[in-house]
Amino acid sequence: MSAQTIAPLSPAKRVARMSLFEVRYTFRQRMVLAMLAFGPVMAVLLATVVESDDRAVWGTMVASTTPVLVTMSVASALAIVIAVRRESHVFKALRTTELSPVQMVLALAAPYLVIGMVVGALVLGAFTLLGAPAPESWVLLLAGLVGVVMLSIIGGIATGAFSTSAASVQFTTIPVLLVSVAFPMMALQPLIGAEARSWLLLAPFSGVADLLARGMGADLAAAPATLGMPIVLVDVLSTVVWIGVGLWLARATWRWEPRA
């Protein structure tokens, strides 16, 4: 009687199985859960200080705070997971499996795309429940949220790659958090001249912040006149470019331990 041969798993199935493992692992880490809950909780606190139904006011609030709140939750949580995995030599062990390096990173990041969208939806839901008007364009709002989550995931991978421990993540993620709050604030709020603000829309997180604002019905900035492009197209293209730059940076900073 011949032994039954077991068909090898396809790359997609291997990534899916590993992603399910990552989800279970994530929800066992109290520190990670605390970081994921931080964004929605802060959104509730921030929304209570706004006493207006003006779309411009709420558009500014959503655009200025959603990127940093989602980034603080997603990027910090992902960076902690990566640092803990490296400390416990899990990556070294995984390199002896059938998973390729690209599949390992995809399996690690894929759950955070869903988790990030849930965190973003909770943040926006908190604003809506506590007084923000209904979004004027769900397409632009969703595009902005997807962009924020993608940039947050890439930021988490890049910072987690050179974080020496879970405790060090609170310091290594500071540059990403500063970028996620500083550029949107300078680009969309009248703190500097209109011409400078228009060029700041090309900075990281500014494009997605403007998409969020326009999704809420707020027109807070104009595209650089010399580009001759609609502002939504400028927002999308700048976001795609920064996602590409972030992927390059994450790949450049990632360290693989020797196979066990």
C-alpha atoms as a PDB file:
ATOM      1  CA  MET A   1       0.000   0.000   0.000  1.00  0.00           C
ATOM      2  CA  SER A   2       1.668   3.141  -1.200  1.00  0.00           C
ATOM      3  CA  ALA A   3       1.977   6.081   1.122  1.00  0.00           C
ATOM      4  CA  GLN A   4      -0.311   8.959   0.295  1.00  0.00           C
ATOM      5  CA  THR A   5       1.572  11.977  -0.955  1.00  0.00           C
ATOM      6  CA  ILE A   6       0.637  15.374   0.455  1.00  0.00           C
ATOM      7  CA  ALA A   7       0.496  18.164  -2.083  1.00  0.00           C
ATOM      8  CA  PRO A   8       2.636  21.163  -1.095  1.00  0.00           C
ATOM      9  CA  LEU A   9       0.807  24.326  -0.140  1.00  0.00           C
ATOM     10  CA  SER A  10       0.683  27.122  -2.652  1.00  0.00           C
ATOM     11  CA  PRO A  11       2.477  30.388  -1.748  1.00  0.00           C
ATOM     12  CA  ALA A  12      -0.902  32.109  -1.207  1.00  0.00           C
ATOM     13  CA  LYS A  13      -2.033  29.424   1.248  1.00  0.00           C
ATOM     14  CA  ARG A  14       1.274  29.554   3.126  1.00  0.00           C
ATOM     15  CA  VAL A  15       0.950  33.335   3.493  1.00  0.00           C
ATOM     16  CA  ALA A  16      -2.709  33.004   4.559  1.00  0.00           C
ATOM     17  CA  ARG A  17      -1.887  30.405   7.224  1.00  0.00           C
ATOM     18  CA  MET A  18       0.975  32.477   8.549  1.00  0.00           C
ATOM     19  CA  SER A  19      -1.233  35.577   8.589  1.00  0.00           C
ATOM     20  CA  LEU A  20      -3.805  33.770  10.746  1.00  0.00           C
ATOM     21  CA  PHE A  21      -1.009  32.844  13.128  1.00  0.00           C
ATOM     22  CA  GLU A  22       0.064  36.510  13.222  1.00  0.00           C
ATOM     23  CA  VAL A  23      -3.480  37.596  14.107  1.00  0.00           C
ATOM     24  CA  ARG A  24      -3.648  35.141  17.011  1.00  0.00           C
ATOM     25  CA  TYR A  25      -0.210  36.223  18.162  1.00  0.00           C
ATOM     26  CA  THR A  26      -1.129  39.917  17.971  1.00  0.00           C
ATOM     27  CA  PHE A  27      -4.175  39.592  20.189  1.00  0.00           C
ATOM     28  CA  ARG A  28      -2.154  37.797  22.870  1.00  0.00           C
ATOM     29  CA  GLN A  29       0.174  40.766  23.362  1.00  0.00           C
ATOM     30  CA  ARG A  30      -1.178  43.276  25.881  1.00  0.00           C
ATOM     31  CA  MET A  31       1.222  46.013  24.803  1.00  0.00           C
ATOM     32  CA  VAL A  32       0.166  45.593  21.176  1.00  0.00           C
ATOM     33  CA  LEU A  33      -3.531  45.686  22.093  1.00  0.00           C
ATOM     34  CA  ALA A  34      -2.955  48.847  24.111  1.00  0.00           C
ATOM     35  CA  MET A  35      -1.339  50.550  21.103  1.00  0.00           C
ATOM     36  CA  LEU A  36      -4.193  49.469  18.805  1.00  0.00           C
ATOM     37  CA  ALA A  37      -6.763  50.911  21.223  1.00  0.00           C
ATOM     38  CA  PHE A  38      -4.904  54.204  21.630  1.00  0.00           C
ATOM     39  CA  GLY A  39      -6.116  55.796  18.384  1.00  0.00           C
ATOM     40  CA  PRO A  40      -9.870  55.328  18.895  1.00  0.00           C
ATOM     41  CA  VAL A  41      -9.653  56.393  22.550  1.00  0.00           C
ATOM     42  CA  MET A  42      -7.783  59.582  21.659  1.00  0.00           C
ATOM     43  CA  ALA A  43     -10.280  60.295  18.875  1.00  0.00           C
ATOM     44  CA  VAL A  44     -13.097  60.266  21.433  1.00  0.00           C
ATOM     45  CA  LEU A  45     -11.196  62.668  23.687  1.00  0.00           C
ATOM     46  CA  LEU A  46     -10.342  65.030  20.817  1.00  0.00           C
ATOM     47  CA  ALA A  47     -13.891  65.035  19.451  1.00  0.00           C
ATOM     48  CA  THR A  48     -15.316  66.217  22.777  1.00  0.00           C
ATOM     49  CA  VAL A  49     -13.473  69.545  22.498  1.00  0.00           C
ATOM     50  CA  VAL A  50     -15.010  70.458  19.118  1.00  0.00           C
ATOM     51  CA  GLU A  51     -18.266  72.382  19.415  1.00  0.00           C
ATOM     52  CA  SER A  52     -19.165  73.028  15.799  1.00  0.00           C
ATOM     53  CA  ASP A  53     -20.954  71.440  12.866  1.00  0.00           C
ATOM     54  CA  ASP A  54     -18.860  73.303  10.285  1.00  0.00           C
ATOM     55  CA  ARG A  55     -17.335  70.949   7.708  1.00  0.00           C
ATOM     56  CA  ALA A  56     -14.120  72.971   7.572  1.00  0.00           C
ATOM     57  CA  VAL A  57     -13.619  72.609  11.323  1.00  0.00           C
ATOM     58  CA  TRP A  58     -14.265  68.879  11.330  1.00  0.00           C
ATOM     59  CA  GLY A  59     -12.325  68.399   8.107  1.00  0.00           C
ATOM     60  CA  THR A  60      -9.309  70.016   9.758  1.00  0.00           C
ATOM     61  CA  MET A  61      -9.730  67.841  12.837  1.00  0.00           C
ATOM     62  CA  VAL A  62     -10.072  64.600  10.856  1.00  0.00           C
ATOM     63  CA  ALA A  63      -7.212  65.430   8.478  1.00  0.00           C
ATOM     64  CA  SER A  64      -4.820  66.608  11.200  1.00  0.00           C
ATOM     65  CA  THR A  65      -5.393  63.830  13.734  1.00  0.00           C
ATOM     66  CA  THR A  66      -6.383  60.658  11.859  1.00  0.00           C
ATOM     67  CA  PRO A  67      -2.930  60.080  10.274  1.00  0.00           C
ATOM     68  CA  VAL A  68      -1.052  60.346  13.566  1.00  0.00           C
ATOM     69  CA  LEU A  69      -3.646  58.355  15.549  1.00  0.00           C
ATOM     70  CA  VAL A  70      -3.688  55.493  13.047  1.00  0.00           C
ATOM     71  CA  THR A  71       0.106  55.606  12.714  1.00  0.00           C
ATOM     72  CA  MET A  72       0.573  55.566  16.464  1.00  0.00           C
ATOM     73  CA  SER A  73      -1.664  52.501  16.746  1.00  0.00           C
ATOM     74  CA  VAL A  74      -0.587  50.507  13.685  1.00  0.00           C
ATOM     75  CA  ALA A  75       3.080  51.429  13.209  1.00  0.00           C
ATOM     76  CA  SER A  76       3.893  51.123  16.909  1.00  0.00           C
ATOM     77  CA  ALA A  77       2.077  47.799  17.268  1.00  0.00           C
ATOM     78  CA  LEU A  78       3.743  46.322  14.186  1.00  0.00           C
ATOM     79  CA  ALA A  79       7.183  47.579  15.227  1.00  0.00           C
ATOM     80  CA  ILE A  80       6.730  45.977  18.664  1.00  0.00           C
ATOM     81  CA  VAL A  81       5.783  42.641  17.099  1.00  0.00           C
ATOM     82  CA  ILE A  82       8.819  42.728  14.792  1.00  0.00           C
ATOM     83  CA  ALA A  83      11.179  43.622  17.644  1.00  0.00           C
ATOM     84  CA  VAL A  84       9.801  40.835  19.846  1.00  0.00           C
ATOM     85  CA  ARG A  85      10.042  38.335  16.998  1.00  0.00           C
ATOM     86  CA  ARG A  86      13.660  39.273  16.397  1.00  0.00           C
ATOM     87  CA  GLU A  87      14.494  39.079  20.124  1.00  0.00           C
ATOM     88  CA  SER A  88      12.937  35.612  20.414  1.00  0.00           C
ATOM     89  CA  HIS A  89      14.633  34.385  17.196  1.00  0.00           C
ATOM     90  CA  VAL A  90      11.294  33.592  15.559  1.00  0.00           C
ATOM     91  CA  PHE A  91      12.440  35.023  12.227  1.00  0.00           C
ATOM     92  CA  LYS A  92      15.521  32.834  12.380  1.00  0.00           C
ATOM     93  CA  ALA A  93      13.346  29.761  12.891  1.00  0.00           C
ATOM     94  CA  LEU A  94      10.931  30.753  10.136  1.00  0.00           C
ATOM     95  CA  ARG A  95      13.774  30.912   7.650  1.00  0.00           C
ATOM     96  CA  THR A  96      14.030  27.111   7.897  1.00  0.00           C
ATOM     97  CA  THR A  97      10.423  26.748   6.643  1.00  0.00           C
ATOM     98  CA  GLU A  98       9.064  26.867   3.108  1.00  0.00           C
ATOM     99  CA  LEU A  99       8.197  30.553   3.497  1.00  0.00           C
ATOM    100  CA  SER A 100      10.379  32.850   1.426  1.00  0.00           C
ATOM    101  CA  PRO A 101      11.539  36.159   2.977  1.00  0.00           C
ATOM    102  CA  VAL A 102       8.958  38.093   0.925  1.00  0.00           C
ATOM    103  CA  GLN A 103       6.178  35.730   2.019  1.00  0.00           C
ATOM    104  CA  MET A 104       7.202  36.120   5.670  1.00  0.00           C
ATOM    105  CA  VAL A 105       6.977  39.907   5.483  1.00  0.00           C
ATOM    106  CA  LEU A 106       3.655  39.748   3.605  1.00  0.00           C
ATOM    107  CA  ALA A 107       2.227  37.360   6.191  1.00  0.00           C
ATOM    108  CA  LEU A 108       3.405  39.685   8.956  1.00  0.00           C
ATOM    109  CA  ALA A 109       1.988  42.857   7.396  1.00  0.00           C
ATOM    110  CA  ALA A 110      -1.270  41.564   5.870  1.00  0.00           C
ATOM    111  CA  PRO A 111      -3.237  41.371   9.148  1.00  0.00           C
ATOM    112  CA  TYR A 112      -2.282  44.956   9.929  1.00  0.00           C
ATOM    113  CA  LEU A 113      -3.923  46.142   6.732  1.00  0.00           C
ATOM    114  CA  VAL A 114      -7.233  44.847   8.100  1.00  0.00           C
ATOM    115  CA  ILE A 115      -6.457  45.911  11.667  1.00  0.00           C
ATOM    116  CA  GLY A 116      -5.418  49.364  10.450  1.00  0.00           C
ATOM    117  CA  MET A 117      -8.639  49.817   8.489  1.00  0.00           C
ATOM    118  CA  VAL A 118     -10.635  48.814  11.578  1.00  0.00           C
ATOM    119  CA  VAL A 119      -8.675  51.258  13.756  1.00  0.00           C
ATOM    120  CA  GLY A 120      -9.176  54.005  11.157  1.00  0.00           C
ATOM    121  CA  ALA A 121     -12.888  53.244  10.918  1.00  0.00           C
ATOM    122  CA  LEU A 122     -13.186  53.438  14.709  1.00  0.00           C
ATOM    123  CA  VAL A 123     -11.353  56.778  14.744  1.00  0.00           C
ATOM    124  CA  LEU A 124     -13.599  58.231  12.036  1.00  0.00           C
ATOM    125  CA  GLY A 125     -16.649  56.637  13.658  1.00  0.00           C
ATOM    126  CA  ALA A 126     -15.818  58.314  16.966  1.00  0.00           C
ATOM    127  CA  PHE A 127     -15.651  61.703  15.250  1.00  0.00           C
ATOM    128  CA  THR A 128     -18.967  61.091  13.489  1.00  0.00           C
ATOM    129  CA  LEU A 129     -20.789  59.905  16.601  1.00  0.00           C
ATOM    130  CA  LEU A 130     -19.567  62.895  18.587  1.00  0.00           C
ATOM    131  CA  GLY A 131     -20.666  65.614  16.199  1.00  0.00           C
ATOM    132  CA  ALA A 132     -18.845  65.456  12.867  1.00  0.00           C
ATOM    133  CA  PRO A 133     -21.098  65.743   9.780  1.00  0.00           C
ATOM    134  CA  ALA A 134     -21.494  62.732   7.525  1.00  0.00           C
ATOM    135  CA  PRO A 135     -18.719  62.388   4.932  1.00  0.00           C
ATOM    136  CA  GLU A 136     -19.366  64.172   1.657  1.00  0.00           C
ATOM    137  CA  SER A 137     -17.300  61.732  -0.434  1.00  0.00           C
ATOM    138  CA  TRP A 138     -16.862  58.195   0.856  1.00  0.00           C
ATOM    139  CA  VAL A 139     -14.500  57.416  -2.028  1.00  0.00           C
ATOM    140  CA  LEU A 140     -12.010  60.134  -1.066  1.00  0.00           C
ATOM    141  CA  LEU A 141     -12.359  59.310   2.630  1.00  0.00           C
ATOM    142  CA  LEU A 142     -11.683  55.613   1.986  1.00  0.00           C
ATOM    143  CA  ALA A 143      -8.755  56.427  -0.319  1.00  0.00           C
ATOM    144  CA  GLY A 144      -7.233  58.639   2.362  1.00  0.00           C
ATOM    145  CA  LEU A 145      -7.693  55.979   5.031  1.00  0.00           C
ATOM    146  CA  VAL A 146      -6.132  53.246   2.882  1.00  0.00           C
ATOM    147  CA  GLY A 147      -3.168  55.530   2.214  1.00  0.00           C
ATOM    148  CA  VAL A 148      -2.721  56.267   5.922  1.00  0.00           C
ATOM    149  CA  VAL A 149      -2.812  52.557   6.790  1.00  0.00           C
ATOM    150  CA  MET A 150      -0.319  51.659   4.038  1.00  0.00           C
ATOM    151  CA  LEU A 151       2.126  54.361   5.150  1.00  0.00           C
ATOM    152  CA  SER A 152       1.679  53.295   8.777  1.00  0.00           C
ATOM    153  CA  ILE A 153       2.434  49.641   7.977  1.00  0.00           C
ATOM    154  CA  ILE A 154       5.543  50.569   6.011  1.00  0.00           C
ATOM    155  CA  GLY A 155       6.653  52.887   8.815  1.00  0.00           C
ATOM    156  CA  GLY A 156       6.157  50.083  11.332  1.00  0.00           C
ATOM    157  CA  ILE A 157       8.214  47.631   9.276  1.00  0.00           C
ATOM    158  CA  ALA A 158      11.009  50.146   8.705  1.00  0.00           C
ATOM    159  CA  THR A 159      11.270  51.163  12.374  1.00  0.00           C
ATOM    160  CA  GLY A 160      10.791  47.636  13.696  1.00  0.00           C
ATOM    161  CA  ALA A 161      13.645  46.478  11.497  1.00  0.00           C
ATOM    162  CA  PHE A 162      16.230  48.408  13.504  1.00  0.00           C
ATOM    163  CA  SER A 163      14.500  48.419  16.914  1.00  0.00           C
ATOM    164  CA  THR A 164      16.711  46.457  19.282  1.00  0.00           C
ATOM    165  CA  SER A 165      13.861  45.601  21.670  1.00  0.00           C
ATOM    166  CA  ALA A 166      10.145  46.169  22.236  1.00  0.00           C
ATOM    167  CA  ALA A 167      11.010  48.908  24.746  1.00  0.00           C
ATOM    168  CA  SER A 168      13.064  50.790  22.156  1.00  0.00           C
ATOM    169  CA  VAL A 169      10.068  51.070  19.816  1.00  0.00           C
ATOM    170  CA  GLN A 170       8.772  54.072  21.755  1.00  0.00           C
ATOM    171  CA  PHE A 171      11.875  55.928  20.574  1.00  0.00           C
ATOM    172  CA  THR A 172      12.417  54.491  17.079  1.00  0.00           C
ATOM    173  CA  THR A 173       8.862  55.317  15.974  1.00  0.00           C
ATOM    174  CA  ILE A 174       9.148  58.994  16.979  1.00  0.00           C
ATOM    175  CA  PRO A 175      10.341  60.181  13.517  1.00  0.00           C
ATOM    176  CA  VAL A 176       7.401  58.458  11.789  1.00  0.00           C
ATOM    177  CA  LEU A 177       4.931  59.932  14.281  1.00  0.00           C
ATOM    178  CA  LEU A 178       6.390  63.430  13.892  1.00  0.00           C
ATOM    179  CA  VAL A 179       6.125  63.209  10.102  1.00  0.00           C
ATOM    180  CA  SER A 180       2.517  61.977  10.308  1.00  0.00           C
ATOM    181  CA  VAL A 181       1.440  64.968  12.386  1.00  0.00           C
ATOM    182  CA  ALA A 182       3.750  67.801  11.273  1.00  0.00           C
ATOM    183  CA  PHE A 183       3.339  67.762   7.490  1.00  0.00           C
ATOM    184  CA  PRO A 184      -0.483  67.439   7.431  1.00  0.00           C
ATOM    185  CA  MET A 185      -0.796  70.194  10.004  1.00  0.00           C
ATOM    186  CA  MET A 186       1.500  72.578   8.111  1.00  0.00           C
ATOM    187  CA  ALA A 187      -0.068  71.767   4.720  1.00  0.00           C
ATOM    188  CA  LEU A 188      -3.726  72.071   5.709  1.00  0.00           C
ATOM    189  CA  GLN A 189      -3.784  74.706   8.442  1.00  0.00           C
ATOM    190  CA  PRO A 190      -3.080  78.421   7.793  1.00  0.00           C
ATOM    191  CA  LEU A 191       0.142  78.479   9.754  1.00  0.00           C
ATOM    192  CA  ILE A 192       2.338  79.506   6.801  1.00  0.00           C
ATOM    193  CA  GLY A 193       1.837  81.037   3.353  1.00  0.00           C
ATOM    194  CA  ALA A 194      -0.524  79.464   0.828  1.00  0.00           C
ATOM    195  CA  GLU A 195       2.230  78.825  -1.740  1.00  0.00           C
ATOM    196  CA  ALA A 196       4.404  76.955   0.772  1.00  0.00           C
ATOM    197  CA  ARG A 197       1.395  74.988   1.972  1.00  0.00           C
ATOM    198  CA  SER A 198       0.591  73.901  -1.580  1.00  0.00           C
ATOM    199  CA  TRP A 199       4.071  72.413  -2.001  1.00  0.00           C
ATOM    200  CA  LEU A 200       3.850  70.733   1.392  1.00  0.00           C
ATOM    201  CA  LEU A 201       1.008  68.639  -0.047  1.00  0.00           C
ATOM    202  CA  LEU A 202       3.775  66.634  -1.712  1.00  0.00           C
ATOM    203  CA  ALA A 203       5.229  65.679   1.685  1.00  0.00           C
ATOM    204  CA  PRO A 204       4.570  62.297   3.337  1.00  0.00           C
ATOM    205  CA  PHE A 205       1.094  61.941   4.881  1.00  0.00           C
ATOM    206  CA  SER A 206      -0.013  65.342   3.506  1.00  0.00           C
ATOM    207  CA  GLY A 207      -1.717  63.846   0.457  1.00  0.00           C
ATOM    208  CA  VAL A 208      -3.718  61.331   2.469  1.00  0.00           C
ATOM    209  CA  ALA A 209      -4.619  64.023   4.992  1.00  0.00           C
ATOM    210  CA  ASP A 210      -6.001  66.217   2.200  1.00  0.00           C
ATOM    211  CA  LEU A 211      -7.992  63.263   0.838  1.00  0.00           C
ATOM    212  CA  LEU A 212      -9.497  62.776   4.299  1.00  0.00           C
ATOM    213  CA  ALA A 213     -10.375  66.467   4.526  1.00  0.00           C
ATOM    214  CA  ARG A 214     -11.995  66.460   1.080  1.00  0.00           C
ATOM    215  CA  GLY A 215     -13.860  63.302   1.980  1.00  0.00           C
ATOM    216  CA  MET A 216     -15.375  65.276   4.863  1.00  0.00           C
ATOM    217  CA  GLY A 217     -16.250  68.106   2.469  1.00  0.00           C
ATOM    218  CA  ALA A 218     -13.497  70.528   3.503  1.00  0.00           C
ATOM    219  CA  ASP A 219     -11.348  72.370   0.948  1.00  0.00           C
ATOM    220  CA  LEU A 220      -8.298  73.329   2.988  1.00  0.00           C
ATOM    221  CA  ALA A 221      -5.486  73.611   0.428  1.00  0.00           C
ATOM    222  CA  ALA A 222      -4.702  74.058  -3.256  1.00  0.00           C
ATOM    223  CA  ALA A 223      -2.300  72.130  -5.465  1.00  0.00           C
ATOM    224  CA  PRO A 224       0.869  73.887  -6.679  1.00  0.00           C
ATOM    225  CA  ALA A 225      -0.136  75.935  -9.706  1.00  0.00           C
ATOM    226  CA  THR A 226       3.011  75.036 -11.639  1.00  0.00           C
ATOM    227  CA  LEU A 227       2.082  71.341 -11.652  1.00  0.00           C
ATOM    228  CA  GLY A 228      -1.138  71.997 -13.560  1.00  0.00           C
ATOM    229  CA  MET A 229      -2.889  68.934 -12.061  1.00  0.00           C
ATOM    230  CA  PRO A 230      -6.106  68.499 -10.079  1.00  0.00           C
ATOM    231  CA  ILE A 231      -5.425  68.437  -6.372  1.00  0.00           C
ATOM    232  CA  VAL A 232      -6.886  64.950  -5.876  1.00  0.00           C
ATOM    233  CA  LEU A 233      -4.497  63.589  -8.502  1.00  0.00           C
ATOM    234  CA  VAL A 234      -1.604  65.343  -6.755  1.00  0.00           C
ATOM    235  CA  ASP A 235      -2.680  63.770  -3.456  1.00  0.00           C
ATOM    236  CA  VAL A 236      -2.867  60.270  -4.952  1.00  0.00           C
ATOM    237  CA  LEU A 237       0.411  60.494  -6.887  1.00  0.00           C
ATOM    238  CA  SER A 238       2.370  61.887  -3.937  1.00  0.00           C
ATOM    239  CA  THR A 239       0.989  59.128  -1.710  1.00  0.00           C
ATOM    240  CA  VAL A 240       1.956  56.417  -4.225  1.00  0.00           C
ATOM    241  CA  VAL A 241       5.455  57.883  -4.476  1.00  0.00           C
ATOM    242  CA  TRP A 242       5.905  57.916  -0.696  1.00  0.00           C
ATOM    243  CA  ILE A 243       4.616  54.362  -0.402  1.00  0.00           C
ATOM    244  CA  GLY A 244       7.279  53.379  -2.943  1.00  0.00           C
ATOM    245  CA  VAL A 245       9.966  55.278  -1.021  1.00  0.00           C
ATOM    246  CA  GLY A 246       8.805  53.646   2.206  1.00  0.00           C
ATOM    247  CA  LEU A 247       8.981  50.168   0.685  1.00  0.00           C
ATOM    248  CA  TRP A 248      12.529  50.849  -0.490  1.00  0.00           C
ATOM    249  CA  LEU A 249      13.507  52.124   2.969  1.00  0.00           C
ATOM    250  CA  ALA A 250      11.883  49.162   4.715  1.00  0.00           C
ATOM    251  CA  ARG A 251      13.755  46.746   2.463  1.00  0.00           C
ATOM    252  CA  ALA A 252      17.032  48.606   2.967  1.00  0.00           C
ATOM    253  CA  THR A 253      16.767  48.591   6.773  1.00  0.00           C
ATOM    254  CA  TRP A 254      15.497  45.025   7.217  1.00  0.00           C
ATOM    255  CA  ARG A 255      17.969  42.584   8.755  1.00  0.00           C
ATOM    256  CA  TRP A 256      17.734  38.827   8.183  1.00  0.00           C
ATOM    257  CA  GLU A 257      19.431  36.556  10.682  1.00  0.00           C
ATOM    258  CA  PRO A 258      21.340  33.568   9.302  1.00  0.00           C
ATOM    259  CA  ARG A 259      19.245  30.444   8.819  1.00  0.00           C
ATOM    260  CA  ALA A 260      19.047  28.254  11.918  1.00  0.00           C
END
